[in-house]
Structures are given as C-alpha cells and as structure tokens.
Amino acid sequence: MSLRIVHYNDSVLRKKGEKIIVFDSALRELASGMIAAMQEVGGIGLAAQQVGRALQLFVADLRKTEETYTWELDGAKPPRELFMPMIVANPEVIVAPGTAEATSEEGCLSFPEIRGDVARPEAVTVRYQDEWGVPHLLVCNGLLARCVQHEFDHLQGVLFIDRMKKSARAEINDAVKDLAKRTREDAKADRAKGDR
C-alpha cells in the first residue's frame, strides 16, 4: 500500500521535522515509499511531513523535467540518472549573499490543483545526508534549486503559500479555504470510521 499524501490544513504540515539520527532499513523503507507516492501523482519532490511524519527528510526526482538547471554533486557533475531520485536527510540550505531571486509558478502535492507565483533565490548550496547517513554537498540552480527550497521549507513547517506576495495569495485564497474545509471534513469522517 502506498503512503497517503496529506492535504492542507493537516496539522503535521506545520510541524518542524526532527533530525534523523538513525539511518536504518525503516528509514530507507519510508524514503522508498515516499518516492513511490511522489511518482504515483507525477510530483518532483515530497517531504516527510506530506506523508504524516515530522522528520528532516525529503525526496526529489527531476529526471522527467527539462534539463534547464545545473548541478554539481560532491564536486562532480554526474548524470541525473545516477543520483535521482534523491533522498535528502537533515539538509542545510545555504544562499550566497547577492544571489538573484526569480519568481516562478509553484504547485504542491499537499495543495492539489492549486498553483501560485513564489520568489526564491535562483541558486543554493545544500549540505545533506543520504539514506545511509553519508554526507553530500549539492550546488544547484533553476528548477532543482527551487524544488530543494520548497521541500526544505516543508521540513521547517513552512508552506509555499507562506512565501507568496499578498496579490498572488489573494488569487488562490478561495481555493485554499475550500481545500482546508475538505481536509477538515475528511479528518472528521476518518475519525467517525475509527469510532465504529
């Protein structure tokens, strides 16, 4: 059974993830399930909070996107197929001073069919550990940098709607409120089933 992706306004989406200290088969199984859930719905990134777990863990896979970004992983440029899907634990995202920002439309698997413009730095450096606890250094820009920042935000309990300018947020406000209402109703229905 694949992992269920939680929707806004589930409270776990606002929780900061706990640091991962044990790199075991349970962690690898969770990451594998997250990759399957993300790919099932055609996403490019998924954070642990989005499957109901408040951990410093996300997965990303941009192999099916256009290669309009650059990357350097541990000082080399391996083909995407060699390091994606990525399993990223305990990331630290560093933005160099003076890095330009770009505004682009983003979506989120926890906000089905809701998209909006978000400004983010165009390039980042990420220190992280893989599913075995091995440290890595990723330098990237473009869509990969945007994806990393979006998922990193999830690990801090921050959502892409929090990063929008008021005008962009206003355009999707009704859809976000409707989604929050449906999430509450679904949670109520799930609780009622559990009481039987």
Protein backbone atom coordinates (compact mmCIF):
# COMPACT_ATOMS: atom_id res chain seq x y z
CA MET A 1 0.00 0.00 0.00
CA SER A 2 1.41 3.39 -0.94
CA LEU A 3 1.74 6.26 1.50
CA ARG A 4 -1.13 8.75 1.66
CA ILE A 5 -0.22 12.36 0.91
CA VAL A 6 -1.81 14.71 3.43
CA HIS A 7 -3.51 17.89 2.30
CA TYR A 8 -3.65 21.39 3.68
CA ASN A 9 -4.75 22.10 6.54
CA ASP A 10 -3.48 18.90 8.20
CA SER A 11 -1.56 19.99 11.32
CA VAL A 12 1.53 17.87 10.51
CA LEU A 13 2.32 20.24 7.63
CA ARG A 14 3.10 22.96 10.20
CA LYS A 15 5.45 20.82 12.29
CA LYS A 16 9.22 21.24 12.12
CA GLY A 17 10.85 17.90 11.38
CA GLU A 18 13.01 16.07 13.87
CA LYS A 19 16.62 15.49 12.92
CA ILE A 20 17.32 12.00 11.63
CA ILE A 21 19.86 10.21 13.78
CA VAL A 22 19.22 6.57 12.84
CA PHE A 23 19.91 5.57 9.23
CA ASP A 24 18.35 2.11 9.12
CA SER A 25 16.14 -0.08 6.95
CA ALA A 26 13.00 1.62 8.36
CA LEU A 27 14.26 4.99 7.10
CA ARG A 28 15.11 3.56 3.69
CA GLU A 29 11.68 1.92 3.52
CA LEU A 30 9.99 5.24 4.36
CA ALA A 31 12.06 7.07 1.71
CA SER A 32 11.23 4.38 -0.86
CA GLY A 33 7.53 4.72 -0.05
CA MET A 34 7.77 8.50 -0.38
CA ILE A 35 9.41 8.17 -3.81
CA ALA A 36 6.63 5.79 -4.94
CA ALA A 37 3.90 8.14 -3.64
CA MET A 38 5.54 11.15 -5.33
CA GLN A 39 5.94 9.35 -8.66
CA GLU A 40 2.39 7.97 -8.50
CA VAL A 41 1.00 11.50 -8.68
CA GLY A 42 3.67 12.94 -11.00
CA GLY A 43 5.44 15.13 -8.45
CA ILE A 44 9.10 16.16 -8.39
CA GLY A 45 9.53 16.47 -4.61
CA LEU A 46 7.90 15.23 -1.41
CA ALA A 47 8.68 15.94 2.24
CA ALA A 48 8.12 13.58 5.17
CA GLN A 49 5.51 15.97 6.63
CA GLN A 50 3.44 15.40 3.49
CA VAL A 51 3.07 11.73 4.40
CA GLY A 52 2.33 12.47 8.04
CA ARG A 53 5.86 12.22 9.51
CA ALA A 54 7.57 15.26 11.05
CA LEU A 55 11.16 14.43 10.06
CA GLN A 56 14.06 16.24 8.37
CA LEU A 57 13.65 14.14 5.22
CA PHE A 58 12.56 14.78 1.65
CA VAL A 59 12.85 13.08 -1.72
CA ALA A 60 13.22 14.64 -5.17
CA ASP A 61 13.27 13.35 -8.72
CA LEU A 62 13.60 15.74 -11.66
CA ARG A 63 14.62 13.20 -14.31
CA LYS A 64 11.42 13.79 -16.29
CA THR A 65 11.82 17.58 -16.35
CA GLU A 66 13.70 19.61 -18.92
CA GLU A 67 17.35 19.99 -18.00
CA THR A 68 17.14 23.78 -17.61
CA TYR A 69 19.24 23.83 -14.45
CA THR A 70 22.78 22.94 -13.47
CA TRP A 71 24.17 20.96 -10.57
CA GLU A 72 27.39 19.85 -9.00
CA LEU A 73 27.27 16.97 -6.53
CA ASP A 74 30.30 16.41 -4.31
CA GLY A 75 32.48 18.36 -6.74
CA ALA A 76 31.40 16.43 -9.88
CA LYS A 77 28.55 16.53 -12.41
CA PRO A 78 27.13 13.00 -12.53
CA PRO A 79 24.23 12.28 -14.90
CA ARG A 80 20.85 12.80 -13.20
CA GLU A 81 20.11 9.08 -13.52
CA LEU A 82 22.99 8.32 -11.11
CA PHE A 83 21.73 10.41 -8.18
CA MET A 84 17.98 10.77 -8.73
CA PRO A 85 15.65 10.07 -7.13
CA MET A 86 17.46 11.86 -4.31
CA ILE A 87 16.90 11.03 -0.66
CA VAL A 88 17.80 14.08 1.41
CA ALA A 89 18.12 13.89 5.19
CA ASN A 90 18.98 16.73 7.59
CA PRO A 91 19.52 19.32 4.86
CA GLU A 92 21.11 22.70 5.40
CA VAL A 93 20.36 25.16 2.59
CA ILE A 94 22.84 27.99 2.05
CA VAL A 95 22.14 31.01 -0.15
CA ALA A 96 25.22 33.00 -1.14
CA PRO A 97 24.98 36.75 -0.44
CA GLY A 98 23.86 38.66 -3.51
CA THR A 99 22.15 35.66 -5.14
CA ALA A 100 19.46 36.86 -7.55
CA GLU A 101 15.85 35.86 -6.99
CA ALA A 102 13.42 34.57 -9.60
CA THR A 103 9.64 34.37 -9.46
CA SER A 104 8.02 31.27 -10.86
CA GLU A 105 4.79 29.34 -10.51
CA GLU A 106 4.86 26.54 -7.96
CA GLY A 107 2.48 23.78 -7.03
CA CYS A 108 2.47 21.37 -4.10
CA LEU A 109 1.23 17.82 -3.74
CA SER A 110 -0.49 18.85 -0.49
CA PHE A 111 -2.40 21.53 -2.45
CA PRO A 112 -3.83 19.59 -5.43
CA GLU A 113 -4.53 21.77 -8.48
CA ILE A 114 -3.52 24.97 -6.64
CA ARG A 115 -0.60 26.92 -8.09
CA GLY A 116 0.87 30.36 -7.49
CA ASP A 117 3.92 32.56 -8.03
CA VAL A 118 6.73 32.35 -5.48
CA ALA A 119 10.02 34.30 -5.45
CA ARG A 120 13.08 32.29 -4.41
CA PRO A 121 16.87 32.57 -4.75
CA GLU A 122 17.98 31.18 -8.13
CA ALA A 123 20.88 29.14 -6.73
CA VAL A 124 21.63 27.30 -3.48
CA THR A 125 24.17 25.05 -1.84
CA VAL A 126 22.82 22.12 0.15
CA ARG A 127 24.63 20.04 2.74
CA TYR A 128 22.75 16.83 3.49
CA GLN A 129 23.00 13.14 4.26
CA ASP A 130 21.68 10.32 2.10
CA GLU A 131 19.66 7.34 3.33
CA TRP A 132 22.87 5.69 4.62
CA GLY A 133 23.98 8.76 6.57
CA VAL A 134 26.72 9.63 4.06
CA PRO A 135 27.26 13.43 3.80
CA HIS A 136 26.95 15.21 0.44
CA LEU A 137 27.26 18.71 -0.96
CA LEU A 138 24.96 19.80 -3.79
CA VAL A 139 25.31 23.11 -5.62
CA CYS A 140 22.39 23.80 -7.96
CA ASN A 141 20.24 26.42 -9.64
CA GLY A 142 16.99 26.76 -11.56
CA LEU A 143 14.21 24.22 -11.02
CA LEU A 144 16.38 21.93 -8.89
CA ALA A 145 17.22 24.81 -6.52
CA ARG A 146 13.52 25.77 -6.38
CA CYS A 147 12.48 22.18 -5.64
CA VAL A 148 15.09 21.83 -2.88
CA GLN A 149 13.98 25.11 -1.26
CA HIS A 150 10.28 24.17 -1.48
CA GLU A 151 10.89 20.79 0.20
CA PHE A 152 13.31 22.28 2.75
CA ASP A 153 10.56 24.73 3.72
CA HIS A 154 8.21 21.79 4.39
CA LEU A 155 10.76 20.40 6.85
CA GLN A 156 10.53 23.69 8.78
CA GLY A 157 6.71 23.70 8.74
CA VAL A 158 6.65 26.45 6.09
CA LEU A 159 4.34 26.16 3.06
CA PHE A 160 4.67 27.69 -0.39
CA ILE A 161 1.59 29.84 0.23
CA ASP A 162 3.54 31.49 3.09
CA ARG A 163 6.16 32.67 0.57
CA MET A 164 3.66 34.28 -1.83
CA LYS A 165 3.15 38.02 -2.16
CA LYS A 166 -0.29 39.14 -0.94
CA SER A 167 -1.52 39.67 -4.51
CA ALA A 168 -0.54 36.14 -5.60
CA ARG A 169 -2.03 34.63 -2.42
CA ALA A 170 -5.29 36.55 -2.94
CA GLU A 171 -5.76 34.87 -6.34
CA ILE A 172 -5.83 31.38 -4.77
CA ASN A 173 -7.33 32.21 -1.37
CA ASP A 174 -10.78 30.76 -2.09
CA ALA A 175 -9.31 27.51 -3.41
CA VAL A 176 -7.06 27.22 -0.32
CA LYS A 177 -10.04 27.80 2.02
CA ASP A 178 -12.07 25.15 0.16
CA LEU A 179 -9.20 22.67 0.44
CA ALA A 180 -8.83 23.36 4.19
CA LYS A 181 -12.56 22.74 4.64
CA ARG A 182 -12.42 19.45 2.70
CA THR A 183 -9.40 18.33 4.75
CA ARG A 184 -11.30 19.02 7.99
CA GLU A 185 -14.34 17.11 6.72
CA ASP A 186 -12.21 14.15 5.62
CA ALA A 187 -10.48 14.05 9.03
CA LYS A 188 -13.89 14.06 10.75
CA ALA A 189 -15.09 11.22 8.52
CA ASP A 190 -11.90 9.22 9.24
CA ARG A 191 -12.39 9.70 12.99
CA ALA A 192 -16.02 8.60 12.72
CA LYS A 193 -14.93 5.41 10.90
CA GLY A 194 -12.39 4.73 13.65
CA ASP A 195 -15.05 5.05 16.35
CA ARG A 196 -17.11 2.23 14.85
